Amino acid sequence: MNTFFVLIRLVSYLLLLGLTIYFGHSLTWRDWAVSILVMAWGTWDFWKKPNEDTKKLGYGVWIEAIAITWWIFSVQSDVLLYAYISPLARASIHLVIRDRLLFFITCCMLIVVFEWWVPGHSFIPLLVLLFVLAYSSLIGSLVAERQRSQQLLGLSEFEREQHIREQERVRISRQLHDTMGQYWTAVIRIMDVAEAVPMPNKQTYIQKARNAAESGLQEMRNIIRNSQDGKLTSEQWIDFALKSLERLKELTNIQIELLLPEDGWFFLHRRKEISELFARVIIESLTNAIRHGMATKVCIEVGETDQSCQLFIRDNGVGFQKEIHAGIGVQSIRELTRDAGGSFQIESKQNHGTTIKLHIPFKGGQWND
């Protein structure tokens, strides 16, 4: 697809240069040099890819416009004014409304200055640019909506996977409960009989209770061995969180920045519940940022002091009002944090993103239970 755009830009520049020569503009060696440089930059696929970072793409649009302006005033051909169509179309599709309007106004002012400096030409390019702005903005809205739909589809797939995992956890918990309940009930009944019978029969029933307890222990090990979705270790929870981040980036194309202390996740290994809490908060916060906040970038920062460990999650989404903080996901995070003896804070402002702060205290190097 990028090769296609490169060819389109190259053909457009060559067509404009050809029309300039056709309408009687004789080019000096200096004009040819400028033309070649501008066309080379305008055709080169640098800072112009549709999937580039928006800020980087914006720089590319403005640099191309500056190059075109140099080209126009050097050759002094009003035909070259139509070269603004290329960066304006890209700006209208991929940049926000404020940036695309600013770029459009700038191009119009440059056209007016040129028409004033080289009189005798029409202002048709202004009408053309206005049409390009409107049409490309419509295309941009459709592209953004399509990308948003694809992002939500990817998120739905991720959430479905998490739901299946959670169902498996519940199933294993119930299986453990039912299985171990049967064995421990049998052990209790056998011990009751052992207390009521005289020796040496008492020793026989005690042995039966021991055998039942060993069988139950082995059955529990088999259940856990057959599925790791029961109770995970600290390392497994951290690995689960990292794999979930990679999965979300793959499915939704969201930018995720992860900042860790020098010793990485090491300090979280001191207590399994903290690793589980951090993993669940990260996943829940990310899904909320994508689905409800429409965020495109999330920063996750993990830290530790002498008294506590912290987790900060910031996104660039649309934010929300304080009165709607009590969603199911947020409630579950609050409960998990409270059970761990920590504090949870969420800050959000419409159109300014959301920040989640998690604080888990501990004393003297040991977790505060």
Protein backbone atom coordinates (compact mmCIF):
# COMPACT_ATOMS: atom_id res chain seq x y z
CA MET A 1 0.00 0.00 0.00
CA ASN A 2 2.85 2.43 0.77
CA THR A 3 4.36 1.74 -2.68
CA PHE A 4 1.04 2.71 -4.23
CA PHE A 5 1.04 6.06 -2.42
CA VAL A 6 4.65 6.69 -3.46
CA LEU A 7 3.75 6.12 -7.11
CA ILE A 8 0.69 8.39 -6.83
CA ARG A 9 2.79 11.23 -5.43
CA LEU A 10 5.49 10.75 -8.06
CA VAL A 11 2.99 10.79 -10.94
CA SER A 12 1.25 13.87 -9.48
CA TYR A 13 4.48 15.84 -9.18
CA LEU A 14 5.62 14.87 -12.68
CA LEU A 15 2.21 15.85 -14.09
CA LEU A 16 2.35 19.29 -12.45
CA LEU A 17 5.90 19.83 -13.68
CA GLY A 18 4.89 18.74 -17.18
CA LEU A 19 1.91 21.13 -17.20
CA THR A 20 4.19 23.93 -16.02
CA ILE A 21 6.48 23.36 -19.02
CA TYR A 22 3.49 22.92 -21.36
CA PHE A 23 2.06 26.32 -20.40
CA GLY A 24 5.25 28.06 -21.45
CA HIS A 25 7.41 28.18 -18.33
CA SER A 26 11.03 27.78 -19.30
CA LEU A 27 13.00 26.30 -16.44
CA THR A 28 16.52 27.39 -15.61
CA TRP A 29 19.06 24.96 -14.18
CA ARG A 30 18.22 26.39 -10.76
CA ASP A 31 14.51 25.69 -11.30
CA TRP A 32 15.33 22.14 -12.38
CA ALA A 33 17.46 21.62 -9.28
CA VAL A 34 14.71 22.89 -6.99
CA SER A 35 12.10 20.79 -8.80
CA ILE A 36 14.14 17.62 -8.48
CA LEU A 37 14.81 18.21 -4.77
CA VAL A 38 11.16 18.98 -3.98
CA MET A 39 9.85 16.03 -5.99
CA ALA A 40 12.41 13.74 -4.35
CA TRP A 41 11.30 14.82 -0.88
CA GLY A 42 7.61 14.77 -1.77
CA THR A 43 7.89 11.29 -3.27
CA TRP A 44 10.16 9.79 -0.61
CA ASP A 45 8.10 7.68 1.78
CA PHE A 46 9.44 9.35 4.92
CA TRP A 47 7.06 10.73 7.57
CA LYS A 48 4.24 10.11 5.10
CA LYS A 49 3.09 6.58 5.91
CA PRO A 50 -0.60 6.39 6.93
CA ASN A 51 0.31 4.20 9.90
CA GLU A 52 2.94 6.59 11.24
CA ASP A 53 2.64 8.27 14.61
CA THR A 54 0.28 11.25 14.24
CA LYS A 55 2.84 13.75 15.52
CA LYS A 56 5.50 12.46 13.17
CA LEU A 57 3.06 12.47 10.27
CA GLY A 58 2.19 16.10 11.07
CA TYR A 59 5.84 17.12 10.82
CA GLY A 60 6.03 15.43 7.43
CA VAL A 61 3.00 17.34 6.17
CA TRP A 62 4.42 20.72 7.18
CA ILE A 63 7.88 19.99 5.77
CA GLU A 64 6.34 18.96 2.47
CA ALA A 65 4.27 22.17 2.40
CA ILE A 66 7.40 24.26 3.00
CA ALA A 67 9.17 22.45 0.17
CA ILE A 68 6.22 23.04 -2.16
CA THR A 69 6.13 26.74 -1.27
CA TRP A 70 9.83 27.01 -2.12
CA TRP A 71 9.12 25.27 -5.42
CA ILE A 72 6.19 27.55 -6.30
CA PHE A 73 7.97 30.83 -5.62
CA SER A 74 11.14 29.62 -7.35
CA VAL A 75 9.45 28.53 -10.60
CA GLN A 76 6.64 31.12 -10.29
CA SER A 77 3.99 28.84 -11.78
CA ASP A 78 0.41 28.86 -10.54
CA VAL A 79 0.05 25.27 -11.77
CA LEU A 80 2.29 24.17 -8.93
CA LEU A 81 -0.22 25.56 -6.43
CA TYR A 82 -2.13 22.31 -6.89
CA ALA A 83 0.80 20.47 -5.30
CA TYR A 84 -0.67 21.51 -1.94
CA ILE A 85 -3.39 18.90 -2.58
CA SER A 86 -1.05 16.06 -1.55
CA PRO A 87 -0.13 17.24 1.99
CA LEU A 88 -3.61 18.74 2.55
CA ALA A 89 -5.31 15.43 1.70
CA ARG A 90 -3.01 13.54 4.05
CA ALA A 91 -3.54 16.09 6.82
CA SER A 92 -7.32 15.97 6.39
CA ILE A 93 -7.39 12.18 6.61
CA HIS A 94 -4.96 11.52 9.46
CA LEU A 95 -4.73 14.67 11.61
CA VAL A 96 -7.25 16.14 14.05
CA ILE A 97 -9.66 18.86 12.94
CA ARG A 98 -7.66 21.68 14.53
CA ASP A 99 -4.46 20.70 12.71
CA ARG A 100 -6.13 20.16 9.35
CA LEU A 101 -7.91 23.56 9.52
CA LEU A 102 -4.66 25.28 10.48
CA PHE A 103 -2.89 23.65 7.55
CA PHE A 104 -5.72 24.57 5.15
CA ILE A 105 -5.69 28.21 6.25
CA THR A 106 -1.90 28.34 5.89
CA CYS A 107 -2.06 26.96 2.34
CA CYS A 108 -4.77 29.46 1.42
CA MET A 109 -2.71 32.35 2.76
CA LEU A 110 0.30 31.19 0.76
CA ILE A 111 -1.82 31.02 -2.38
CA VAL A 112 -3.15 34.53 -1.77
CA VAL A 113 0.40 35.83 -1.24
CA PHE A 114 1.54 34.19 -4.47
CA GLU A 115 -1.39 35.56 -6.46
CA TRP A 116 -0.65 39.02 -5.08
CA TRP A 117 3.09 38.67 -5.81
CA VAL A 118 2.52 37.26 -9.33
CA PRO A 119 -0.70 39.01 -10.46
CA GLY A 120 -2.90 37.95 -13.32
CA HIS A 121 -3.87 34.51 -12.07
CA SER A 122 -7.17 33.07 -10.76
CA PHE A 123 -8.07 31.85 -7.32
CA ILE A 124 -9.40 28.49 -8.52
CA PRO A 125 -6.76 26.63 -6.41
CA LEU A 126 -8.49 27.96 -3.28
CA LEU A 127 -11.76 26.32 -4.32
CA VAL A 128 -9.93 23.11 -5.18
CA LEU A 129 -8.23 23.02 -1.78
CA LEU A 130 -11.56 23.64 -0.06
CA PHE A 131 -13.04 20.66 -1.91
CA VAL A 132 -10.02 18.52 -1.01
CA LEU A 133 -10.36 19.51 2.65
CA ALA A 134 -14.05 18.54 2.77
CA TYR A 135 -13.70 15.32 0.80
CA SER A 136 -10.54 14.14 2.57
CA SER A 137 -12.06 14.95 5.97
CA LEU A 138 -14.99 12.71 5.11
CA ILE A 139 -12.59 9.95 4.07
CA GLY A 140 -10.63 10.50 7.29
CA SER A 141 -13.79 10.12 9.39
CA LEU A 142 -14.63 6.85 7.63
CA VAL A 143 -11.07 5.57 8.08
CA ALA A 144 -11.07 6.50 11.76
CA GLU A 145 -14.42 4.79 12.30
CA ARG A 146 -13.16 1.67 10.52
CA GLN A 147 -10.02 1.62 12.65
CA ARG A 148 -12.12 2.09 15.77
CA SER A 149 -14.38 -0.81 14.77
CA GLN A 150 -11.37 -3.04 14.15
CA GLN A 151 -9.93 -2.00 17.50
CA LEU A 152 -13.16 -2.87 19.32
CA LEU A 153 -13.37 -6.20 17.51
CA GLY A 154 -9.85 -7.00 18.62
CA LEU A 155 -10.66 -5.93 22.16
CA SER A 156 -13.80 -8.07 22.16
CA GLU A 157 -11.69 -11.07 21.14
CA PHE A 158 -9.24 -10.33 23.96
CA GLU A 159 -12.05 -9.94 26.49
CA ARG A 160 -13.62 -13.19 25.28
CA GLU A 161 -10.30 -14.95 25.87
CA GLN A 162 -10.11 -13.47 29.38
CA HIS A 163 -13.69 -14.53 30.06
CA ILE A 164 -12.90 -18.09 29.01
CA ARG A 165 -9.86 -18.09 31.30
CA GLU A 166 -11.96 -16.79 34.18
CA GLN A 167 -14.61 -19.43 33.56
CA GLU A 168 -11.87 -22.06 33.62
CA ARG A 169 -10.62 -20.68 36.92
CA VAL A 170 -14.11 -20.88 38.38
CA ARG A 171 -14.55 -24.42 37.03
CA ILE A 172 -11.27 -25.54 38.58
CA SER A 173 -12.15 -23.89 41.89
CA ARG A 174 -15.49 -25.71 41.95
CA GLN A 175 -13.83 -28.97 40.96
CA LEU A 176 -11.30 -28.60 43.75
CA HIS A 177 -14.07 -27.72 46.20
CA ASP A 178 -16.23 -30.70 45.25
CA THR A 179 -13.39 -33.23 45.03
CA MET A 180 -11.61 -32.20 48.20
CA GLY A 181 -14.93 -31.91 50.00
CA GLN A 182 -15.64 -35.56 49.25
CA TYR A 183 -12.24 -36.74 50.43
CA TRP A 184 -12.22 -34.67 53.59
CA THR A 185 -15.74 -35.77 54.44
CA ALA A 186 -14.61 -39.38 54.07
CA VAL A 187 -11.57 -38.74 56.30
CA ILE A 188 -13.73 -37.16 59.00
CA ARG A 189 -16.23 -40.06 58.95
CA ILE A 190 -13.42 -42.64 59.13
CA MET A 191 -11.83 -40.81 62.09
CA ASP A 192 -15.20 -40.73 63.84
CA VAL A 193 -15.44 -44.52 63.46
CA ALA A 194 -11.84 -44.92 64.61
CA GLU A 195 -12.66 -43.12 67.85
CA ALA A 196 -15.60 -45.47 68.51
CA VAL A 197 -13.89 -48.84 67.90
CA PRO A 198 -11.44 -50.55 70.24
CA MET A 199 -7.86 -51.48 69.48
CA PRO A 200 -6.50 -53.00 67.23
CA ASN A 201 -9.37 -52.10 64.84
CA LYS A 202 -8.73 -48.41 65.61
CA GLN A 203 -5.35 -48.57 63.84
CA THR A 204 -7.02 -50.04 60.73
CA TYR A 205 -9.43 -47.11 60.42
CA ILE A 206 -6.64 -44.61 61.03
CA GLN A 207 -4.74 -46.16 58.13
CA LYS A 208 -7.86 -45.89 55.97
CA ALA A 209 -8.14 -42.18 56.85
CA ARG A 210 -4.49 -41.69 55.93
CA ASN A 211 -5.00 -43.44 52.61
CA ALA A 212 -8.06 -41.27 51.85
CA ALA A 213 -6.12 -38.08 52.67
CA GLU A 214 -3.22 -39.16 50.42
CA SER A 215 -5.65 -39.96 47.59
CA GLY A 216 -7.27 -36.56 47.98
CA LEU A 217 -3.89 -34.83 47.90
CA GLN A 218 -2.93 -36.70 44.75
CA GLU A 219 -6.25 -35.85 43.10
CA MET A 220 -5.76 -32.16 43.93
CA ARG A 221 -2.27 -32.24 42.39
CA ASN A 222 -3.68 -33.86 39.25
CA ILE A 223 -6.32 -31.16 38.86
CA ILE A 224 -3.78 -28.35 39.24
CA ARG A 225 -1.25 -30.12 37.01
CA ASN A 226 -3.80 -30.51 34.21
CA SER A 227 -4.56 -26.81 34.15
CA GLN A 228 -2.42 -23.83 35.15
CA ASP A 229 -5.45 -21.55 35.26
CA GLY A 230 -6.17 -22.39 38.86
CA LYS A 231 -3.82 -20.64 41.22
CA LEU A 232 -0.89 -18.95 39.51
CA THR A 233 2.47 -18.11 41.03
CA SER A 234 3.82 -14.55 41.14
CA GLU A 235 5.98 -15.19 38.09
CA GLN A 236 3.02 -16.65 36.20
CA TRP A 237 0.83 -13.62 36.99
CA ILE A 238 3.54 -11.25 35.76
CA ASP A 239 4.04 -13.35 32.62
CA PHE A 240 0.27 -13.36 32.11
CA ALA A 241 0.16 -9.55 32.35
CA LEU A 242 3.03 -9.09 29.88
CA LYS A 243 1.53 -11.51 27.38
CA SER A 244 -1.81 -9.73 27.72
CA LEU A 245 -0.13 -6.40 26.91
CA GLU A 246 1.44 -7.89 23.78
CA ARG A 247 -1.90 -9.42 22.80
CA LEU A 248 -3.70 -6.09 23.20
CA LYS A 249 -1.08 -4.27 21.13
CA GLU A 250 -1.41 -6.88 18.40
CA LEU A 251 -5.21 -6.78 18.35
CA THR A 252 -5.89 -3.06 18.78
CA ASN A 253 -2.65 -1.33 17.63
CA ILE A 254 -2.62 0.71 20.84
CA GLN A 255 0.74 2.15 21.95
CA ILE A 256 1.77 0.80 25.36
CA GLU A 257 4.76 2.16 27.29
CA LEU A 258 5.90 0.05 30.26
CA LEU A 259 8.23 1.67 32.83
CA LEU A 260 9.77 -0.63 35.49
CA PRO A 261 12.21 -0.05 38.37
CA GLU A 262 15.83 -1.21 38.02
CA ASP A 263 15.10 -4.64 39.49
CA GLY A 264 12.07 -5.09 37.24
CA TRP A 265 9.17 -7.02 38.73
CA PHE A 266 11.37 -8.64 41.39
CA PHE A 267 9.81 -6.92 44.38
CA LEU A 268 6.35 -8.20 43.39
CA HIS A 269 7.51 -11.77 43.93
CA ARG A 270 7.39 -11.24 47.70
CA ARG A 271 3.66 -11.74 47.70
CA LYS A 272 1.58 -13.54 45.13
CA GLU A 273 -1.58 -11.49 45.78
CA ILE A 274 0.18 -8.27 44.75
CA SER A 275 1.28 -9.77 41.45
CA GLU A 276 -2.27 -10.93 40.79
CA LEU A 277 -3.65 -7.51 41.75
CA PHE A 278 -1.25 -5.63 39.46
CA ALA A 279 -1.96 -7.99 36.56
CA ARG A 280 -5.73 -7.66 36.92
CA VAL A 281 -5.61 -3.87 37.36
CA ILE A 282 -3.40 -3.46 34.28
CA ILE A 283 -5.67 -5.59 32.09
CA GLU A 284 -8.89 -4.04 33.38
CA SER A 285 -7.54 -0.50 33.01
CA LEU A 286 -6.32 -1.12 29.48
CA THR A 287 -9.59 -2.58 28.29
CA ASN A 288 -11.48 0.37 29.80
CA ALA A 289 -9.06 2.86 28.21
CA ILE A 290 -9.59 1.31 24.78
CA ARG A 291 -13.31 0.56 24.90
CA HIS A 292 -14.62 3.58 26.82
CA GLY A 293 -11.76 6.09 26.71
CA MET A 294 -10.92 5.52 23.02
CA ALA A 295 -7.26 5.91 24.01
CA THR A 296 -4.46 5.40 21.49
CA LYS A 297 -1.59 5.44 23.98
CA VAL A 298 -1.21 4.11 27.53
CA CYS A 299 1.73 4.49 29.90
CA ILE A 300 2.15 1.92 32.71
CA GLU A 301 4.64 2.75 35.46
CA VAL A 302 5.56 0.38 38.28
CA GLY A 303 7.56 1.65 41.24
CA GLU A 304 8.71 0.87 44.77
CA THR A 305 9.74 2.85 47.84
CA ASP A 306 10.85 1.77 51.32
CA GLN A 307 7.25 1.80 52.46
CA SER A 308 5.18 0.73 49.47
CA CYS A 309 4.89 -0.25 45.84
CA GLN A 310 2.88 1.77 43.33
CA LEU A 311 1.24 1.32 39.98
CA PHE A 312 0.37 4.28 37.72
CA ILE A 313 -1.61 3.87 34.51
CA ARG A 314 -2.16 6.91 32.29
CA ASP A 315 -3.98 7.08 28.96
CA ASN A 316 -4.66 9.80 26.39
CA GLY A 317 -8.34 8.95 25.99
CA VAL A 318 -11.42 11.15 26.16
CA GLY A 319 -11.71 10.73 29.94
CA PHE A 320 -15.00 10.73 31.80
CA GLN A 321 -16.94 12.51 34.48
CA LYS A 322 -16.52 11.69 38.16
CA GLU A 323 -20.13 10.62 38.57
CA ILE A 324 -19.58 7.57 36.36
CA HIS A 325 -16.58 6.19 38.18
CA ALA A 326 -18.60 3.35 39.72
CA GLY A 327 -18.45 0.90 36.83
CA ILE A 328 -18.20 -2.82 37.45
CA GLY A 329 -14.54 -2.91 36.40
CA VAL A 330 -13.59 -0.03 38.69
CA GLN A 331 -15.54 -1.59 41.57
CA SER A 332 -13.67 -4.87 41.17
CA ILE A 333 -10.33 -3.02 41.18
CA ARG A 334 -11.31 -1.17 44.36
CA GLU A 335 -12.26 -4.44 46.08
CA LEU A 336 -9.03 -6.18 45.06
CA THR A 337 -6.98 -3.21 46.29
CA ARG A 338 -8.87 -3.04 49.58
CA ASP A 339 -8.32 -6.77 50.14
CA ALA A 340 -4.57 -6.18 49.65
CA GLY A 341 -4.59 -3.37 52.23
CA GLY A 342 -3.85 -0.67 49.66
CA SER A 343 -5.46 2.45 48.25
CA PHE A 344 -6.88 3.11 44.81
CA GLN A 345 -7.35 6.49 43.15
CA ILE A 346 -8.67 7.40 39.74
CA GLU A 347 -8.36 10.85 38.16
CA SER A 348 -10.07 11.77 34.93
CA LYS A 349 -11.08 14.85 33.02
CA GLN A 350 -13.02 14.92 29.80
CA ASN A 351 -10.74 15.16 26.76
CA HIS A 352 -7.65 14.94 29.01
CA GLY A 353 -7.37 11.20 29.61
CA THR A 354 -7.47 9.09 32.77
CA THR A 355 -4.89 8.28 35.43
CA ILE A 356 -5.13 5.32 37.83
CA LYS A 357 -2.96 5.26 40.96
CA LEU A 358 -2.48 2.12 43.04
CA HIS A 359 -0.62 2.22 46.37
CA ILE A 360 0.18 -0.94 48.38
CA PRO A 361 2.01 -0.32 51.70
CA PHE A 362 4.33 -2.72 53.52
CA LYS A 363 6.40 -2.46 56.68
CA GLY A 364 10.07 -3.24 57.22
CA GLY A 365 10.47 -5.00 53.90
CA GLN A 366 7.45 -7.22 54.61
CA TRP A 367 4.02 -6.80 53.18
CA ASN A 368 1.48 -5.23 55.48
CA ASP A 369 -1.22 -7.88 55.80
